[in-house]
Amino acid sequence: MASVTVAGKLGCGHCNFHVKDSCSLAMQVDDGTVYLLEAGDRQDELMEVRLDQPAVTVTGRVAEVDGRKVITTESVKLR
């Protein structure tokens, strides 16, 4: 599976985007698609700033898990 790069805003899958029952790292792109993010060693750092909803560019591999799009990140750049 090839890597993709998407840009949008970082946020909480529960508090901002309402796609999860608990807080989670997520991003929303311009067309409204919400991706949950698995950011490895940056997960905690990004969870700290998610509610500020910074602009973000994410590169990684997309999979569908339980009907939701999940990106296992290779890079995350806050803009």
Protein backbone atom coordinates (compact mmCIF):
# COMPACT_ATOMS: atom_id res chain seq x y z
CA MET A 1 0.00 0.00 0.00
CA ALA A 2 1.40 3.38 -1.02
CA SER A 3 1.78 6.32 1.33
CA VAL A 4 -0.52 9.31 0.95
CA THR A 5 -0.09 12.92 2.05
CA VAL A 6 -3.12 14.87 3.28
CA ALA A 7 -3.49 18.34 4.76
CA GLY A 8 -6.14 19.60 7.12
CA LYS A 9 -6.64 20.46 10.76
CA LEU A 10 -5.66 18.40 13.75
CA GLY A 11 -8.30 17.77 16.38
CA CYS A 12 -9.97 15.33 18.71
CA GLY A 13 -11.94 12.45 17.22
CA HIS A 14 -14.47 12.85 20.03
CA CYS A 15 -14.54 16.52 21.08
CA ASN A 16 -14.08 18.17 17.66
CA PHE A 17 -15.13 15.67 15.00
CA HIS A 18 -17.61 13.43 16.89
CA VAL A 19 -16.52 10.14 15.28
CA LYS A 20 -15.33 8.38 18.46
CA ASP A 21 -16.82 7.76 21.90
CA SER A 22 -13.56 8.76 23.61
CA CYS A 23 -10.81 11.29 22.99
CA SER A 24 -8.46 10.36 20.16
CA LEU A 25 -6.02 11.96 17.76
CA ALA A 26 -7.68 12.83 14.45
CA MET A 27 -7.58 15.22 11.53
CA GLN A 28 -10.17 16.60 9.13
CA VAL A 29 -9.43 17.48 5.52
CA ASP A 30 -11.19 20.12 3.40
CA ASP A 31 -13.79 17.70 2.00
CA GLY A 32 -14.90 16.85 5.55
CA THR A 33 -13.24 13.42 5.73
CA VAL A 34 -11.97 12.61 9.22
CA TYR A 35 -8.92 10.40 9.66
CA LEU A 36 -7.90 8.91 12.98
CA LEU A 37 -4.14 9.12 13.46
CA GLU A 38 -1.72 6.59 14.87
CA ALA A 39 1.37 8.78 15.32
CA GLY A 40 3.71 6.43 17.14
CA ASP A 41 6.23 8.24 19.34
CA ARG A 42 4.59 11.62 18.57
CA GLN A 43 1.11 10.53 19.74
CA ASP A 44 1.35 12.12 23.21
CA GLU A 45 2.88 15.36 21.90
CA LEU A 46 0.14 15.75 19.28
CA MET A 47 -2.63 14.84 21.73
CA GLU A 48 -1.46 17.83 23.85
CA VAL A 49 -2.12 20.33 21.01
CA ARG A 50 -5.10 18.69 19.24
CA LEU A 51 -7.73 20.92 20.84
CA ASP A 52 -5.98 24.02 19.42
CA GLN A 53 -6.82 22.53 15.98
CA PRO A 54 -3.56 23.50 14.26
CA ALA A 55 -3.15 23.09 10.50
CA VAL A 56 -1.31 19.86 9.78
CA THR A 57 0.16 17.87 6.90
CA VAL A 58 0.29 14.11 7.44
CA THR A 59 2.02 11.43 5.38
CA GLY A 60 1.30 7.78 6.04
CA ARG A 61 -0.59 4.65 5.09
CA VAL A 62 -4.39 4.65 5.19
CA ALA A 63 -6.42 1.67 6.36
CA GLU A 64 -10.05 1.22 7.28
CA VAL A 65 -10.65 0.01 10.83
CA ASP A 66 -14.18 -0.50 12.16
CA GLY A 67 -15.55 1.66 9.33
CA ARG A 68 -13.20 4.58 10.06
CA LYS A 69 -10.18 5.76 8.06
CA VAL A 70 -6.97 5.44 10.06
CA ILE A 71 -3.57 6.79 9.03
CA THR A 72 -0.47 5.17 10.47
CA THR A 73 1.78 8.19 10.16
CA GLU A 74 5.26 8.40 8.69
CA SER A 75 5.48 12.17 9.22
CA VAL A 76 3.32 14.84 10.83
CA LYS A 77 4.09 18.52 10.20
CA LEU A 78 2.29 21.22 12.11
CA ARG A 79 1.92 24.31 9.90
